[in-house]
């Protein structure tokens, strides 16, 4: 009789990945046997998050311009805007700002 698959096993896909030998040696040296998949998964997730962020930044490039936000053209304008934003947040949260 075949072994029954658990719910966790159904959510996992096994893949065959090729690693450079030196990288695999380091993985074996620094990561214990039962933790290697977790390390590879975490690293892949971080890299994918970076790639998604870069893609989003490229897609949003040019969305902000001096023409669309003339009130924020100078550093003084930006400082004033930030001070107002921070003051409204402090007021909403009911406390004074901790830093000047």
N, C-alpha and C. Protein backbone atom coordinates (compact mmCIF):
# COMPACT_ATOMS: atom_id res chain seq x y z
N UNK A 1 0.85 -1.18 0.00
CA UNK A 1 0.00 0.00 0.00
C UNK A 1 0.90 1.25 0.00
N UNK A 2 0.66 2.23 -0.93
CA UNK A 2 1.49 3.43 -1.01
C UNK A 2 1.29 4.34 0.20
N UNK A 3 2.35 5.06 0.56
CA UNK A 3 2.32 5.98 1.69
C UNK A 3 1.38 7.15 1.38
N UNK A 4 0.58 7.54 2.36
CA UNK A 4 -0.35 8.66 2.21
C UNK A 4 0.44 9.98 2.29
N UNK A 5 0.20 10.88 1.34
CA UNK A 5 0.86 12.18 1.32
C UNK A 5 0.22 13.12 2.34
N UNK A 6 1.05 13.86 3.07
CA UNK A 6 0.51 14.84 4.03
C UNK A 6 0.19 16.13 3.29
N UNK A 7 -0.59 17.03 3.94
CA UNK A 7 -0.94 18.31 3.33
C UNK A 7 0.31 19.13 3.05
N UNK A 8 1.26 19.10 3.96
CA UNK A 8 2.52 19.84 3.78
C UNK A 8 3.27 19.33 2.56
N UNK A 9 3.32 18.04 2.38
CA UNK A 9 4.03 17.46 1.23
C UNK A 9 3.34 17.83 -0.08
N UNK A 10 2.03 18.00 -0.08
CA UNK A 10 1.31 18.38 -1.30
C UNK A 10 1.61 19.82 -1.69
N UNK A 11 2.01 20.66 -0.72
CA UNK A 11 2.29 22.07 -0.99
C UNK A 11 3.74 22.31 -1.37
N UNK A 12 4.54 21.29 -1.39
CA UNK A 12 5.96 21.42 -1.69
C UNK A 12 6.25 20.77 -3.04
N UNK A 13 7.04 21.47 -3.83
CA UNK A 13 7.46 20.91 -5.11
C UNK A 13 8.95 20.61 -5.06
N UNK A 14 9.30 19.43 -5.40
CA UNK A 14 10.70 19.01 -5.42
C UNK A 14 11.29 19.43 -6.76
N UNK A 15 12.49 20.03 -6.72
CA UNK A 15 13.13 20.48 -7.95
C UNK A 15 14.57 19.98 -8.00
N UNK A 16 15.08 19.86 -9.19
CA UNK A 16 16.45 19.47 -9.39
C UNK A 16 17.21 20.72 -9.81
N UNK A 17 18.13 21.17 -8.96
CA UNK A 17 18.88 22.41 -9.22
C UNK A 17 20.36 22.08 -9.32
N UNK A 18 21.02 22.70 -10.27
CA UNK A 18 22.46 22.48 -10.44
C UNK A 18 23.21 23.62 -9.77
N UNK A 19 24.15 23.27 -8.89
CA UNK A 19 24.96 24.25 -8.17
C UNK A 19 26.41 24.12 -8.61
N UNK A 20 27.12 25.25 -8.66
CA UNK A 20 28.57 25.15 -8.87
C UNK A 20 29.17 24.38 -7.69
N UNK A 21 30.19 23.57 -7.96
CA UNK A 21 30.77 22.71 -6.92
C UNK A 21 31.25 23.50 -5.71
N UNK A 22 31.92 24.62 -5.94
CA UNK A 22 32.44 25.42 -4.83
C UNK A 22 31.33 25.94 -3.93
N UNK A 23 30.25 26.38 -4.54
CA UNK A 23 29.12 26.88 -3.77
C UNK A 23 28.48 25.76 -2.96
N UNK A 24 28.37 24.61 -3.56
CA UNK A 24 27.80 23.45 -2.86
C UNK A 24 28.68 23.03 -1.69
N UNK A 25 30.00 23.08 -1.88
CA UNK A 25 30.93 22.78 -0.79
C UNK A 25 30.70 23.72 0.39
N UNK A 26 30.56 25.00 0.08
CA UNK A 26 30.34 25.98 1.15
C UNK A 26 29.00 25.75 1.85
N UNK A 27 27.98 25.45 1.07
CA UNK A 27 26.67 25.17 1.66
C UNK A 27 26.78 23.99 2.62
N UNK A 28 27.43 22.94 2.20
CA UNK A 28 27.61 21.76 3.06
C UNK A 28 28.43 22.10 4.30
N UNK A 29 29.43 22.96 4.14
CA UNK A 29 30.30 23.30 5.26
C UNK A 29 29.57 24.13 6.32
N UNK A 30 28.77 25.09 5.89
CA UNK A 30 28.18 26.04 6.83
C UNK A 30 26.75 25.75 7.25
N UNK A 31 26.06 24.91 6.50
CA UNK A 31 24.64 24.67 6.79
C UNK A 31 24.43 23.20 7.10
N UNK A 32 23.86 22.91 8.27
CA UNK A 32 23.62 21.51 8.63
C UNK A 32 22.66 20.82 7.66
N UNK A 33 22.75 19.51 7.61
CA UNK A 33 21.98 18.71 6.67
C UNK A 33 20.48 19.05 6.66
N UNK A 34 19.85 19.15 7.78
CA UNK A 34 18.40 19.37 7.80
C UNK A 34 17.96 20.79 7.50
N UNK A 35 18.90 21.71 7.29
CA UNK A 35 18.57 23.12 7.11
C UNK A 35 18.86 23.67 5.72
N UNK A 36 19.43 22.88 4.86
CA UNK A 36 19.88 23.39 3.56
C UNK A 36 18.73 23.87 2.68
N UNK A 37 17.64 23.14 2.66
CA UNK A 37 16.50 23.58 1.85
C UNK A 37 15.99 24.93 2.34
N UNK A 38 15.94 25.11 3.66
CA UNK A 38 15.48 26.38 4.22
C UNK A 38 16.37 27.53 3.79
N UNK A 39 17.68 27.31 3.78
CA UNK A 39 18.63 28.35 3.38
C UNK A 39 18.44 28.69 1.91
N UNK A 40 18.30 27.70 1.08
CA UNK A 40 18.11 27.92 -0.36
C UNK A 40 16.78 28.63 -0.61
N UNK A 41 15.74 28.23 0.08
CA UNK A 41 14.42 28.85 -0.07
C UNK A 41 14.47 30.31 0.38
N UNK A 42 15.11 30.57 1.53
CA UNK A 42 15.20 31.95 2.04
C UNK A 42 15.98 32.84 1.09
N UNK A 43 17.09 32.33 0.57
CA UNK A 43 17.89 33.10 -0.37
C UNK A 43 17.14 33.39 -1.66
N UNK A 44 16.42 32.41 -2.15
CA UNK A 44 15.62 32.59 -3.37
C UNK A 44 14.52 33.61 -3.13
N UNK A 45 13.86 33.53 -1.98
CA UNK A 45 12.78 34.48 -1.66
C UNK A 45 13.32 35.91 -1.59
N UNK A 46 14.49 36.10 -0.97
CA UNK A 46 15.09 37.44 -0.88
C UNK A 46 15.43 37.98 -2.27
N UNK A 47 16.04 37.15 -3.09
CA UNK A 47 16.40 37.60 -4.43
C UNK A 47 15.16 37.93 -5.25
N UNK A 48 14.12 37.11 -5.15
CA UNK A 48 12.88 37.39 -5.88
C UNK A 48 12.25 38.70 -5.41
N UNK A 49 12.30 38.98 -4.11
CA UNK A 49 11.77 40.24 -3.58
C UNK A 49 12.53 41.42 -4.18
N UNK A 50 13.85 41.31 -4.28
CA UNK A 50 14.67 42.37 -4.88
C UNK A 50 14.31 42.56 -6.36
N UNK A 51 14.16 41.44 -7.07
CA UNK A 51 13.81 41.53 -8.49
C UNK A 51 12.44 42.17 -8.69
N UNK A 52 11.48 41.81 -7.85
CA UNK A 52 10.15 42.42 -7.93
C UNK A 52 10.21 43.91 -7.64
N UNK A 53 11.01 44.29 -6.64
CA UNK A 53 11.14 45.70 -6.29
C UNK A 53 11.76 46.48 -7.45
N UNK A 54 12.80 45.93 -8.06
CA UNK A 54 13.44 46.60 -9.20
C UNK A 54 12.45 46.75 -10.35
N UNK A 55 11.65 45.73 -10.58
CA UNK A 55 10.65 45.79 -11.65
C UNK A 55 9.62 46.88 -11.35
N UNK A 56 9.19 46.96 -10.10
CA UNK A 56 8.21 47.99 -9.71
C UNK A 56 8.81 49.39 -9.84
N UNK A 57 10.08 49.54 -9.47
CA UNK A 57 10.74 50.84 -9.60
C UNK A 57 10.85 51.25 -11.06
N UNK A 58 11.18 50.29 -11.93
CA UNK A 58 11.25 50.60 -13.36
C UNK A 58 9.88 51.00 -13.90
N UNK A 59 8.85 50.29 -13.47
CA UNK A 59 7.49 50.57 -13.94
C UNK A 59 7.03 51.95 -13.47
N UNK A 60 7.49 52.38 -12.29
CA UNK A 60 7.07 53.66 -11.76
C UNK A 60 7.97 54.82 -12.16
N UNK A 61 9.03 54.54 -12.86
CA UNK A 61 9.97 55.59 -13.25
C UNK A 61 9.25 56.66 -14.07
N UNK A 62 9.48 57.90 -13.70
CA UNK A 62 8.86 59.01 -14.42
C UNK A 62 7.50 59.39 -13.89
N UNK A 63 6.97 58.65 -12.94
CA UNK A 63 5.65 58.97 -12.41
C UNK A 63 5.68 60.24 -11.58
N UNK A 64 6.83 60.53 -10.99
CA UNK A 64 6.98 61.73 -10.17
C UNK A 64 7.78 62.74 -10.99
N UNK A 65 7.23 63.94 -11.12
CA UNK A 65 7.96 64.98 -11.84
C UNK A 65 7.70 66.32 -11.18
N UNK A 66 8.56 67.29 -11.45
CA UNK A 66 8.35 68.64 -10.92
C UNK A 66 7.04 69.23 -11.43
N UNK A 67 6.66 68.85 -12.64
CA UNK A 67 5.41 69.38 -13.21
C UNK A 67 4.19 68.84 -12.47
N UNK A 68 4.24 67.58 -12.06
CA UNK A 68 3.08 67.00 -11.37
C UNK A 68 3.06 67.36 -9.88
N UNK A 69 4.21 67.81 -9.34
CA UNK A 69 4.27 68.21 -7.92
C UNK A 69 5.09 69.49 -7.77
N UNK A 70 4.56 70.61 -8.28
CA UNK A 70 5.32 71.86 -8.20
C UNK A 70 5.54 72.34 -6.77
N UNK A 71 4.70 71.86 -5.86
CA UNK A 71 4.83 72.27 -4.45
C UNK A 71 6.04 71.64 -3.77
N UNK A 72 6.73 70.73 -4.45
CA UNK A 72 7.88 70.04 -3.85
C UNK A 72 9.14 70.19 -4.71
N UNK A 73 9.31 71.33 -5.31
CA UNK A 73 10.46 71.52 -6.20
C UNK A 73 11.77 71.75 -5.48
N UNK A 74 11.74 72.45 -4.37
CA UNK A 74 12.99 72.78 -3.69
C UNK A 74 13.15 71.94 -2.42
N UNK A 75 14.36 71.93 -1.89
CA UNK A 75 14.61 71.21 -0.63
C UNK A 75 13.78 71.82 0.51
N UNK A 76 13.62 73.13 0.49
CA UNK A 76 12.80 73.79 1.52
C UNK A 76 11.35 73.33 1.43
N UNK A 77 10.84 73.20 0.22
CA UNK A 77 9.46 72.70 0.01
C UNK A 77 9.32 71.28 0.58
N UNK A 78 10.30 70.45 0.31
CA UNK A 78 10.28 69.06 0.78
C UNK A 78 10.34 69.03 2.30
N UNK A 79 11.23 69.84 2.89
CA UNK A 79 11.34 69.89 4.35
C UNK A 79 10.03 70.34 5.00
N UNK A 80 9.39 71.37 4.41
CA UNK A 80 8.11 71.86 4.92
C UNK A 80 7.04 70.74 4.85
N UNK A 81 6.99 70.08 3.71
CA UNK A 81 6.03 68.99 3.53
C UNK A 81 6.25 67.89 4.58
N UNK A 82 7.51 67.49 4.78
CA UNK A 82 7.81 66.44 5.75
C UNK A 82 7.46 66.88 7.17
N UNK A 83 7.74 68.13 7.51
CA UNK A 83 7.40 68.64 8.84
C UNK A 83 5.90 68.59 9.07
N UNK A 84 5.13 69.00 8.06
CA UNK A 84 3.67 68.95 8.16
C UNK A 84 3.16 67.51 8.29
N UNK A 85 3.74 66.63 7.50
CA UNK A 85 3.34 65.22 7.55
C UNK A 85 3.64 64.62 8.92
N UNK A 86 4.83 64.89 9.44
CA UNK A 86 5.21 64.36 10.75
C UNK A 86 4.35 64.96 11.85
N UNK A 87 4.04 66.24 11.76
CA UNK A 87 3.20 66.88 12.77
C UNK A 87 1.80 66.28 12.77
N UNK A 88 1.26 66.02 11.59
CA UNK A 88 -0.09 65.44 11.52
C UNK A 88 -0.09 64.02 12.08
N UNK A 89 0.99 63.29 11.85
CA UNK A 89 1.09 61.93 12.39
C UNK A 89 1.18 61.98 13.91
N UNK A 90 2.01 62.88 14.43
CA UNK A 90 2.15 63.01 15.88
C UNK A 90 0.82 63.41 16.51
N UNK A 91 0.11 64.34 15.86
CA UNK A 91 -1.20 64.77 16.37
C UNK A 91 -2.18 63.60 16.37
N UNK A 92 -2.19 62.85 15.27
CA UNK A 92 -3.10 61.71 15.15
C UNK A 92 -2.81 60.66 16.20
N UNK A 93 -1.50 60.42 16.46
CA UNK A 93 -1.12 59.41 17.45
C UNK A 93 -1.16 59.93 18.88
N UNK A 94 -1.31 61.27 19.02
CA UNK A 94 -1.45 61.86 20.34
C UNK A 94 -0.17 61.97 21.12
N UNK A 95 0.94 62.22 20.47
CA UNK A 95 2.19 62.42 21.20
C UNK A 95 3.09 63.40 20.47
N UNK A 96 4.00 63.97 21.22
CA UNK A 96 4.97 64.91 20.64
C UNK A 96 6.05 64.13 19.91
N UNK A 97 6.65 64.76 18.93
CA UNK A 97 7.78 64.17 18.25
C UNK A 97 8.96 64.05 19.19
N UNK A 98 9.67 62.95 19.13
CA UNK A 98 10.80 62.72 20.02
C UNK A 98 12.05 63.41 19.56
N UNK A 99 12.23 63.58 18.26
CA UNK A 99 13.46 64.20 17.76
C UNK A 99 13.12 65.55 17.15
N UNK A 100 14.08 66.46 17.10
CA UNK A 100 13.84 67.82 16.58
C UNK A 100 13.52 67.84 15.11
